[in-house]
Amino acid sequence: MNAPLAEDRLQSILDLLARNGSMRTTALTQALGVSGATTRRDLDTLERRGQIRKMHGGAALVSQDQQYQDRAQLHQTAKNRLAGAALNLIRPGQVLYLDAGTTARTVAQALRRTPELTRTLRVVTHGIDVAYELNGECPLYVVGGDLYGSTFSLTGPDALDTVRRYRYDLFLVGCTSIDPTRGLTNSNLIEAQQKAAIIGQSSRTALIADSSKWGPAGFATFASLDQIHDWVTDHAPPAARTAFEAHGVQVHTTD
């Protein structure tokens, strides 16, 4: 009699991890409405099945770091629209920091199609694919560090030290999820630390994220809503628009 309930609970954990990338055990326990002991047993079961990877105080999907190419093919039309809207925020002559990830790569591809703007920019990135797209298109600085395969990004202590040495006019940043209380979150702690450092060095920060990112917080917070100047999205749910505009964020939609 208890097996279906247990399987439903395990599927709920997988769904939560798929949405957030990774989560703390305490957050999973709260979301499921069960005891901490039950959550830990469920995580043990999922790890034995090879579906998750337990970390200190939390868990992540095993497949998360192996799906970059799959993610690159998802929602490409929507990403193209977001990239086009993001270009409207860029001004000639700026020092532009481009985040890593599939959406940032789409922005880089859009920049390649606007050489009259791109040639005037100095672009900084820790994204290998972003650098590939912009190679030869403009002055380009690639931050070095440890390779994080999920986003083809270079992170770690060396990268963190490097991004803190410079100033950026505009940072185009992505996220795992947007929580009205915790702000912008990421599934990887090291990347979250790097994003936070770049925001601290940037005159303006624009979040490039579709409306599906509005929801429960991910593993690591890297910015509060009041640290963001612009949000470029497909459409803004009323609660999301209200939360962002309450913090003075300009909301730009593509719908």
Protein backbone atom coordinates (compact mmCIF):
# COMPACT_ATOMS: atom_id res chain seq x y z
CA MET A 1 0.00 0.00 0.00
CA ASN A 2 2.87 2.40 0.72
CA ALA A 3 4.87 1.69 -2.46
CA PRO A 4 2.89 3.96 -4.83
CA LEU A 5 3.08 6.80 -2.33
CA ALA A 6 6.83 6.29 -2.02
CA GLU A 7 7.24 6.25 -5.81
CA ASP A 8 5.17 9.41 -6.13
CA ARG A 9 7.41 11.05 -3.54
CA LEU A 10 10.55 9.96 -5.40
CA GLN A 11 9.17 11.38 -8.63
CA SER A 12 8.39 14.64 -6.85
CA ILE A 13 12.04 14.86 -5.75
CA LEU A 14 13.19 14.30 -9.33
CA ASP A 15 10.79 16.97 -10.59
CA LEU A 16 12.04 19.49 -8.01
CA LEU A 17 15.68 18.77 -8.87
CA ALA A 18 14.93 19.03 -12.60
CA ARG A 19 13.47 22.48 -12.05
CA ASN A 20 16.10 23.81 -9.66
CA GLY A 21 19.24 21.94 -10.70
CA SER A 22 20.05 21.08 -7.09
CA MET A 23 18.41 21.60 -3.70
CA ARG A 24 19.22 21.37 -0.04
CA THR A 25 17.79 18.43 1.87
CA THR A 26 15.95 20.80 4.21
CA ALA A 27 14.26 22.51 1.24
CA LEU A 28 13.21 19.17 -0.21
CA THR A 29 11.83 18.10 3.15
CA GLN A 30 9.79 21.28 3.42
CA ALA A 31 8.50 21.01 -0.16
CA LEU A 32 7.46 17.38 0.30
CA GLY A 33 5.91 17.84 3.74
CA VAL A 34 7.70 14.81 5.20
CA SER A 35 10.31 14.20 7.86
CA GLY A 36 14.00 14.76 7.29
CA ALA A 37 14.63 11.05 7.84
CA THR A 38 12.16 10.18 5.07
CA THR A 39 13.81 12.60 2.66
CA ARG A 40 17.26 11.19 3.40
CA ARG A 41 16.00 7.63 2.79
CA ASP A 42 14.42 8.73 -0.48
CA LEU A 43 17.67 10.38 -1.57
CA ASP A 44 19.56 7.19 -0.71
CA THR A 45 17.15 5.24 -2.92
CA LEU A 46 17.51 7.64 -5.84
CA GLU A 47 21.29 7.63 -5.53
CA ARG A 48 21.36 3.81 -5.60
CA ARG A 49 19.30 3.97 -8.78
CA GLY A 50 21.85 6.33 -10.29
CA GLN A 51 19.34 9.15 -10.74
CA ILE A 52 20.82 11.72 -8.36
CA ARG A 53 24.12 12.71 -6.83
CA LYS A 54 24.12 13.51 -3.10
CA MET A 55 26.20 16.49 -2.01
CA HIS A 56 26.91 18.01 1.39
CA GLY A 57 23.49 19.05 2.63
CA GLY A 58 21.66 18.45 -0.63
CA ALA A 59 21.37 16.64 -3.95
CA ALA A 60 21.45 17.19 -7.73
CA LEU A 61 20.38 15.23 -10.78
CA VAL A 62 23.18 13.05 -12.14
CA SER A 63 22.22 13.99 -15.68
CA GLN A 64 22.48 17.71 -15.04
CA ASP A 65 26.12 18.01 -16.07
CA GLN A 66 25.68 15.91 -19.20
CA GLN A 67 22.94 17.73 -21.07
CA TYR A 68 24.52 20.91 -22.42
CA GLN A 69 24.03 20.00 -26.06
CA ASP A 70 20.44 18.93 -25.38
CA ARG A 71 19.70 22.21 -23.61
CA ALA A 72 21.28 24.14 -26.46
CA GLN A 73 18.57 22.81 -28.79
CA LEU A 74 15.65 23.61 -26.50
CA HIS A 75 13.42 26.66 -26.98
CA GLN A 76 15.78 28.12 -29.59
CA THR A 77 13.13 30.42 -31.07
CA ALA A 78 12.40 31.88 -27.64
CA LYS A 79 16.13 32.27 -26.93
CA ASN A 80 16.59 34.12 -30.23
CA ARG A 81 13.89 36.58 -29.23
CA LEU A 82 15.46 37.10 -25.81
CA ALA A 83 18.84 37.68 -27.43
CA GLY A 84 17.39 40.24 -29.82
CA ALA A 85 15.79 42.12 -26.93
CA ALA A 86 19.04 41.95 -24.93
CA LEU A 87 20.93 43.64 -27.77
CA ASN A 88 18.71 46.70 -27.30
CA LEU A 89 20.34 47.21 -23.89
CA ILE A 90 23.90 47.28 -25.25
CA ARG A 91 25.48 50.62 -26.12
CA PRO A 92 28.44 51.16 -28.50
CA GLY A 93 31.82 51.28 -26.79
CA GLN A 94 30.79 49.39 -23.67
CA VAL A 95 32.74 46.80 -21.75
CA LEU A 96 30.24 43.95 -21.87
CA TYR A 97 30.39 40.89 -19.64
CA LEU A 98 28.54 37.93 -21.13
CA ASP A 99 27.60 35.07 -18.82
CA ALA A 100 28.13 31.42 -19.77
CA GLY A 101 25.39 29.04 -20.91
CA THR A 102 23.12 28.38 -23.85
CA THR A 103 21.21 31.68 -23.66
CA ALA A 104 24.46 33.65 -23.48
CA ARG A 105 25.70 31.77 -26.54
CA THR A 106 22.55 32.83 -28.38
CA VAL A 107 23.29 36.46 -27.44
CA ALA A 108 26.83 36.01 -28.79
CA GLN A 109 25.40 34.66 -32.04
CA ALA A 110 23.12 37.71 -32.29
CA LEU A 111 26.13 39.97 -31.75
CA ARG A 112 27.88 38.29 -34.67
CA ARG A 113 24.98 39.38 -36.86
CA THR A 114 25.37 43.03 -35.78
CA PRO A 115 29.06 43.74 -36.52
CA GLU A 116 28.52 47.52 -36.58
CA LEU A 117 27.76 47.31 -32.82
CA THR A 118 29.97 44.37 -31.90
CA ARG A 119 33.18 45.88 -33.31
CA THR A 120 32.87 48.76 -30.84
CA LEU A 121 32.62 46.52 -27.77
CA ARG A 122 35.12 44.90 -25.45
CA VAL A 123 33.60 41.60 -24.35
CA VAL A 124 34.59 39.62 -21.27
CA THR A 125 33.28 36.10 -20.60
CA HIS A 126 33.98 32.86 -18.77
CA GLY A 127 31.93 30.91 -21.32
CA ILE A 128 33.96 28.81 -23.76
CA ASP A 129 31.14 28.63 -26.30
CA VAL A 130 30.54 32.39 -26.02
CA ALA A 131 34.21 33.01 -26.73
CA TYR A 132 34.06 30.67 -29.71
CA GLU A 133 31.14 32.58 -31.20
CA LEU A 134 32.82 35.98 -30.78
CA ASN A 135 36.35 35.02 -31.75
CA GLY A 136 37.60 37.64 -34.23
CA GLU A 137 34.45 39.75 -33.95
CA CYS A 138 35.61 42.21 -31.26
CA PRO A 139 38.26 42.68 -28.55
CA LEU A 140 37.64 39.61 -26.39
CA TYR A 141 38.93 38.61 -22.94
CA VAL A 142 38.32 35.07 -21.69
CA VAL A 143 38.50 34.51 -17.94
CA GLY A 144 40.49 31.37 -17.13
CA GLY A 145 39.76 28.75 -14.50
CA ASP A 146 38.45 25.24 -13.89
CA LEU A 147 36.11 23.85 -16.55
CA TYR A 148 32.52 23.32 -15.40
CA GLY A 149 31.05 21.06 -18.07
CA SER A 150 27.36 21.78 -17.47
CA THR A 151 27.69 25.27 -18.94
CA PHE A 152 31.07 25.07 -20.72
CA SER A 153 32.27 27.73 -18.28
CA LEU A 154 35.55 28.48 -16.54
CA THR A 155 35.17 28.94 -12.81
CA GLY A 156 37.00 28.56 -9.52
CA PRO A 157 39.34 30.68 -7.37
CA ASP A 158 41.48 31.95 -10.27
CA ALA A 159 38.41 33.02 -12.26
CA LEU A 160 36.91 34.67 -9.20
CA ASP A 161 40.08 36.68 -8.55
CA THR A 162 40.23 37.75 -12.18
CA VAL A 163 36.68 39.05 -12.54
CA ARG A 164 37.14 41.21 -9.45
CA ARG A 165 40.04 43.12 -11.08
CA TYR A 166 37.99 44.87 -13.74
CA ARG A 167 34.93 47.04 -14.21
CA TYR A 168 32.09 46.27 -16.61
CA ASP A 169 29.49 48.61 -18.08
CA LEU A 170 26.88 45.88 -18.55
CA PHE A 171 26.55 42.29 -17.34
CA LEU A 172 24.08 40.04 -19.17
CA VAL A 173 23.41 37.23 -16.69
CA GLY A 174 21.32 34.08 -16.61
CA CYS A 175 20.00 32.07 -13.67
CA THR A 176 18.48 28.74 -12.66
CA SER A 177 15.47 30.27 -10.96
CA ILE A 178 14.00 33.52 -9.63
CA ASP A 179 12.52 33.50 -6.16
CA PRO A 180 10.58 36.57 -4.94
CA THR A 181 12.25 36.40 -1.53
CA ARG A 182 15.71 34.91 -2.18
CA GLY A 183 16.24 36.57 -5.54
CA LEU A 184 18.29 35.05 -8.35
CA THR A 185 19.64 31.57 -7.72
CA ASN A 186 21.92 29.10 -9.45
CA SER A 187 22.35 25.34 -9.23
CA ASN A 188 26.13 25.54 -8.73
CA LEU A 189 27.67 27.33 -5.75
CA ILE A 190 30.95 28.23 -7.46
CA GLU A 191 29.16 29.74 -10.46
CA ALA A 192 26.86 31.63 -8.11
CA GLN A 193 29.87 33.16 -6.35
CA GLN A 194 31.31 34.19 -9.70
CA LYS A 195 28.07 35.80 -10.87
CA ALA A 196 27.83 37.71 -7.58
CA ALA A 197 31.37 39.02 -8.00
CA ILE A 198 30.69 40.18 -11.57
CA ILE A 199 27.52 41.99 -10.48
CA GLY A 200 29.59 43.79 -7.87
CA GLN A 201 31.92 45.05 -10.61
CA SER A 202 29.20 46.03 -13.09
CA SER A 203 27.53 49.41 -13.55
CA ARG A 204 24.38 47.74 -14.86
CA THR A 205 23.12 44.15 -14.70
CA ALA A 206 20.44 42.71 -16.96
CA LEU A 207 18.86 39.33 -16.27
CA ILE A 208 18.11 37.31 -19.40
CA ALA A 209 15.65 34.61 -18.33
CA ASP A 210 12.30 33.35 -19.56
CA SER A 211 9.21 33.21 -17.37
CA SER A 212 9.69 29.49 -16.55
CA LYS A 213 12.52 30.53 -14.21
CA TRP A 214 10.03 32.26 -11.88
CA GLY A 215 9.51 29.82 -9.04
CA PRO A 216 11.11 28.09 -6.04
CA ALA A 217 14.68 29.08 -5.22
CA GLY A 218 17.58 27.00 -6.47
CA PHE A 219 20.64 25.95 -4.51
CA ALA A 220 22.68 29.17 -4.24
CA THR A 221 21.57 32.80 -4.27
CA PHE A 222 23.81 35.22 -6.16
CA ALA A 223 21.74 38.43 -6.30
CA SER A 224 18.71 40.09 -4.76
CA LEU A 225 16.13 41.65 -7.06
CA ASP A 226 17.27 45.17 -6.16
CA GLN A 227 20.73 44.41 -7.61
CA ILE A 228 19.18 43.96 -11.07
CA HIS A 229 18.44 46.86 -13.42
CA ASP A 230 16.65 45.05 -16.26
CA TRP A 231 14.81 41.78 -16.79
CA VAL A 232 14.50 40.51 -20.37
CA THR A 233 11.90 37.73 -20.59
CA ASP A 234 9.28 36.21 -22.88
CA HIS A 235 6.46 37.39 -20.65
CA ALA A 236 6.19 38.44 -17.03
CA PRO A 237 3.61 36.78 -14.75
CA PRO A 238 1.78 39.50 -12.79
CA ALA A 239 3.38 38.52 -9.49
CA ALA A 240 6.83 38.54 -11.06
CA ARG A 241 6.35 41.92 -12.72
CA THR A 242 5.09 43.39 -9.45
CA ALA A 243 8.08 42.02 -7.52
CA PHE A 244 10.65 43.28 -10.02
CA GLU A 245 9.09 46.70 -10.52
CA ALA A 246 8.85 47.15 -6.74
CA HIS A 247 12.65 47.03 -6.76
CA GLY A 248 12.95 49.47 -9.65
CA VAL A 249 13.75 46.83 -12.28
CA GLN A 250 12.75 47.59 -15.87
CA VAL A 251 10.90 44.62 -17.36
CA HIS A 252 11.32 43.98 -21.11
CA THR A 253 9.10 41.30 -22.67
CA THR A 254 9.24 39.74 -26.12
CA ASP A 255 5.58 38.65 -26.33
